[in-house]
Amino acid sequence: MKFSNLKLTEKMILHPETREALEIIIKNERKRRLKEL
């Protein structure tokens, strides 16, 4: 995942719902990686 970590962290602090969305994205990424393995 290509993100600017600083901007991402700022958004996570400012918007709890953004953090929740990111957690869902991360879970989906992990599932996809497990399937690829």
PDB file of N, CA and C in Angstrom:
ATOM      1  N   MET A   1       0.851  -1.197   0.000  1.00  0.00           N
ATOM      2  CA  MET A   1       0.000   0.000   0.000  1.00  0.00           C
ATOM      3  C   MET A   1       0.886   1.247   0.000  1.00  0.00           C
ATOM      4  N   LYS A   2       0.645   2.105  -0.989  1.00  0.00           N
ATOM      5  CA  LYS A   2       1.456   3.321  -1.088  1.00  0.00           C
ATOM      6  C   LYS A   2       0.677   4.500  -0.514  1.00  0.00           C
ATOM      7  N   PHE A   3       1.027   4.887   0.689  1.00  0.00           N
ATOM      8  CA  PHE A   3       0.409   6.053   1.326  1.00  0.00           C
ATOM      9  C   PHE A   3       1.500   6.927   1.921  1.00  0.00           C
ATOM     10  N   SER A   4       1.209   8.207   2.036  1.00  0.00           N
ATOM     11  CA  SER A   4       2.091   9.104   2.793  1.00  0.00           C
ATOM     12  C   SER A   4       1.766   8.908   4.266  1.00  0.00           C
ATOM     13  N   ASN A   5       2.681   8.297   5.006  1.00  0.00           N
ATOM     14  CA  ASN A   5       2.394   7.897   6.387  1.00  0.00           C
ATOM     15  C   ASN A   5       2.047   9.067   7.291  1.00  0.00           C
ATOM     16  N   LEU A   6       2.723  10.197   7.122  1.00  0.00           N
ATOM     17  CA  LEU A   6       2.437  11.345   7.981  1.00  0.00           C
ATOM     18  C   LEU A   6       1.014  11.845   7.777  1.00  0.00           C
ATOM     19  N   LYS A   7       0.613  12.022   6.523  1.00  0.00           N
ATOM     20  CA  LYS A   7      -0.745  12.491   6.244  1.00  0.00           C
ATOM     21  C   LYS A   7      -1.765  11.481   6.737  1.00  0.00           C
ATOM     22  N   LEU A   8      -1.455  10.205   6.522  1.00  0.00           N
ATOM     23  CA  LEU A   8      -2.344   9.142   6.968  1.00  0.00           C
ATOM     24  C   LEU A   8      -2.533   9.199   8.479  1.00  0.00           C
ATOM     25  N   THR A   9      -1.443   9.356   9.213  1.00  0.00           N
ATOM     26  CA  THR A   9      -1.518   9.404  10.673  1.00  0.00           C
ATOM     27  C   THR A   9      -2.332  10.606  11.129  1.00  0.00           C
ATOM     28  N   GLU A  10      -2.130  11.749  10.480  1.00  0.00           N
ATOM     29  CA  GLU A  10      -2.908  12.942  10.826  1.00  0.00           C
ATOM     30  C   GLU A  10      -4.391  12.683  10.642  1.00  0.00           C
ATOM     31  N   LYS A  11      -4.756  12.063   9.516  1.00  0.00           N
ATOM     32  CA  LYS A  11      -6.165  11.777   9.254  1.00  0.00           C
ATOM     33  C   LYS A  11      -6.723  10.817  10.300  1.00  0.00           C
ATOM     34  N   MET A  12      -5.921   9.826  10.678  1.00  0.00           N
ATOM     35  CA  MET A  12      -6.376   8.852  11.664  1.00  0.00           C
ATOM     36  C   MET A  12      -6.652   9.523  13.001  1.00  0.00           C
ATOM     37  N   ILE A  13      -5.796  10.486  13.380  1.00  0.00           N
ATOM     38  CA  ILE A  13      -5.986  11.178  14.651  1.00  0.00           C
ATOM     39  C   ILE A  13      -7.221  12.084  14.576  1.00  0.00           C
ATOM     40  N   LEU A  14      -7.396  12.752  13.438  1.00  0.00           N
ATOM     41  CA  LEU A  14      -8.494  13.709  13.302  1.00  0.00           C
ATOM     42  C   LEU A  14      -9.836  13.016  13.107  1.00  0.00           C
ATOM     43  N   HIS A  15      -9.830  11.868  12.421  1.00  0.00           N
ATOM     44  CA  HIS A  15     -11.088  11.220  12.061  1.00  0.00           C
ATOM     45  C   HIS A  15     -11.094   9.753  12.493  1.00  0.00           C
ATOM     46  N   PRO A  16     -11.730   9.438  13.614  1.00  0.00           N
ATOM     47  CA  PRO A  16     -11.799   8.039  14.074  1.00  0.00           C
ATOM     48  C   PRO A  16     -12.416   7.121  13.019  1.00  0.00           C
ATOM     49  N   GLU A  17     -13.409   7.612  12.270  1.00  0.00           N
ATOM     50  CA  GLU A  17     -14.048   6.769  11.258  1.00  0.00           C
ATOM     51  C   GLU A  17     -13.069   6.441  10.126  1.00  0.00           C
ATOM     52  N   THR A  18     -12.114   7.352   9.876  1.00  0.00           N
ATOM     53  CA  THR A  18     -11.085   7.073   8.870  1.00  0.00           C
ATOM     54  C   THR A  18     -10.211   5.921   9.342  1.00  0.00           C
ATOM     55  N   ARG A  19      -9.895   5.908  10.634  1.00  0.00           N
ATOM     56  CA  ARG A  19      -9.082   4.820  11.181  1.00  0.00           C
ATOM     57  C   ARG A  19      -9.829   3.493  11.041  1.00  0.00           C
ATOM     58  N   GLU A  20     -11.123   3.506  11.316  1.00  0.00           N
ATOM     59  CA  GLU A  20     -11.910   2.280  11.178  1.00  0.00           C
ATOM     60  C   GLU A  20     -11.887   1.789   9.738  1.00  0.00           C
ATOM     61  N   ALA A  21     -12.035   2.724   8.791  1.00  0.00           N
ATOM     62  CA  ALA A  21     -12.002   2.357   7.372  1.00  0.00           C
ATOM     63  C   ALA A  21     -10.639   1.774   7.008  1.00  0.00           C
ATOM     64  N   LEU A  22      -9.573   2.395   7.523  1.00  0.00           N
ATOM     65  CA  LEU A  22      -8.218   1.902   7.245  1.00  0.00           C
ATOM     66  C   LEU A  22      -8.029   0.502   7.808  1.00  0.00           C
ATOM     67  N   GLU A  23      -8.570   0.251   9.004  1.00  0.00           N
ATOM     68  CA  GLU A  23      -8.437  -1.082   9.592  1.00  0.00           C
ATOM     69  C   GLU A  23      -9.110  -2.126   8.707  1.00  0.00           C
ATOM     70  N   ILE A  24     -10.269  -1.771   8.139  1.00  0.00           N
ATOM     71  CA  ILE A  24     -10.969  -2.690   7.238  1.00  0.00           C
ATOM     72  C   ILE A  24     -10.127  -2.932   5.989  1.00  0.00           C
ATOM     73  N   ILE A  25      -9.545  -1.861   5.434  1.00  0.00           N
ATOM     74  CA  ILE A  25      -8.695  -1.988   4.242  1.00  0.00           C
ATOM     75  C   ILE A  25      -7.508  -2.892   4.542  1.00  0.00           C
ATOM     76  N   ILE A  26      -6.884  -2.693   5.713  1.00  0.00           N
ATOM     77  CA  ILE A  26      -5.717  -3.498   6.090  1.00  0.00           C
ATOM     78  C   ILE A  26      -6.109  -4.969   6.227  1.00  0.00           C
ATOM     79  N   LYS A  27      -7.270  -5.232   6.843  1.00  0.00           N
ATOM     80  CA  LYS A  27      -7.726  -6.620   6.975  1.00  0.00           C
ATOM     81  C   LYS A  27      -7.932  -7.250   5.602  1.00  0.00           C
ATOM     82  N   ASN A  28      -8.537  -6.487   4.679  1.00  0.00           N
ATOM     83  CA  ASN A  28      -8.756  -6.999   3.326  1.00  0.00           C
ATOM     84  C   ASN A  28      -7.437  -7.271   2.623  1.00  0.00           C
ATOM     85  N   GLU A  29      -6.458  -6.384   2.814  1.00  0.00           N
ATOM     86  CA  GLU A  29      -5.128  -6.583   2.220  1.00  0.00           C
ATOM     87  C   GLU A  29      -4.494  -7.867   2.748  1.00  0.00           C
ATOM     88  N   ARG A  30      -4.620  -8.100   4.055  1.00  0.00           N
ATOM     89  CA  ARG A  30      -4.046  -9.314   4.649  1.00  0.00           C
ATOM     90  C   ARG A  30      -4.699 -10.557   4.062  1.00  0.00           C
ATOM     91  N   LYS A  31      -6.030 -10.526   3.917  1.00  0.00           N
ATOM     92  CA  LYS A  31      -6.734 -11.675   3.343  1.00  0.00           C
ATOM     93  C   LYS A  31      -6.248 -11.936   1.927  1.00  0.00           C
ATOM     94  N   ARG A  32      -6.071 -10.849   1.143  1.00  0.00           N
ATOM     95  CA  ARG A  32      -5.627 -10.990  -0.236  1.00  0.00           C
ATOM     96  C   ARG A  32      -4.226 -11.595  -0.280  1.00  0.00           C
ATOM     97  N   ARG A  33      -3.354 -11.146   0.617  1.00  0.00           N
ATOM     98  CA  ARG A  33      -1.984 -11.672   0.649  1.00  0.00           C
ATOM     99  C   ARG A  33      -1.979 -13.147   1.030  1.00  0.00           C
ATOM    100  N   LEU A  34      -2.835 -13.525   1.970  1.00  0.00           N
ATOM    101  CA  LEU A  34      -2.907 -14.931   2.363  1.00  0.00           C
ATOM    102  C   LEU A  34      -3.348 -15.788   1.181  1.00  0.00           C
ATOM    103  N   LYS A  35      -4.297 -15.284   0.383  1.00  0.00           N
ATOM    104  CA  LYS A  35      -4.753 -16.029  -0.792  1.00  0.00           C
ATOM    105  C   LYS A  35      -3.624 -16.165  -1.805  1.00  0.00           C
ATOM    106  N   GLU A  36      -2.822 -15.108  -1.969  1.00  0.00           N
ATOM    107  CA  GLU A  36      -1.720 -15.155  -2.932  1.00  0.00           C
ATOM    108  C   GLU A  36      -0.663 -16.169  -2.505  1.00  0.00           C
ATOM    109  N   LEU A  37      -0.448 -16.308  -1.200  1.00  0.00           N
ATOM    110  CA  LEU A  37       0.502 -17.304  -0.706  1.00  0.00           C
ATOM    111  C   LEU A  37      -0.108 -18.691  -0.896  1.00  0.00           C
TER     112      LEU A  37
END
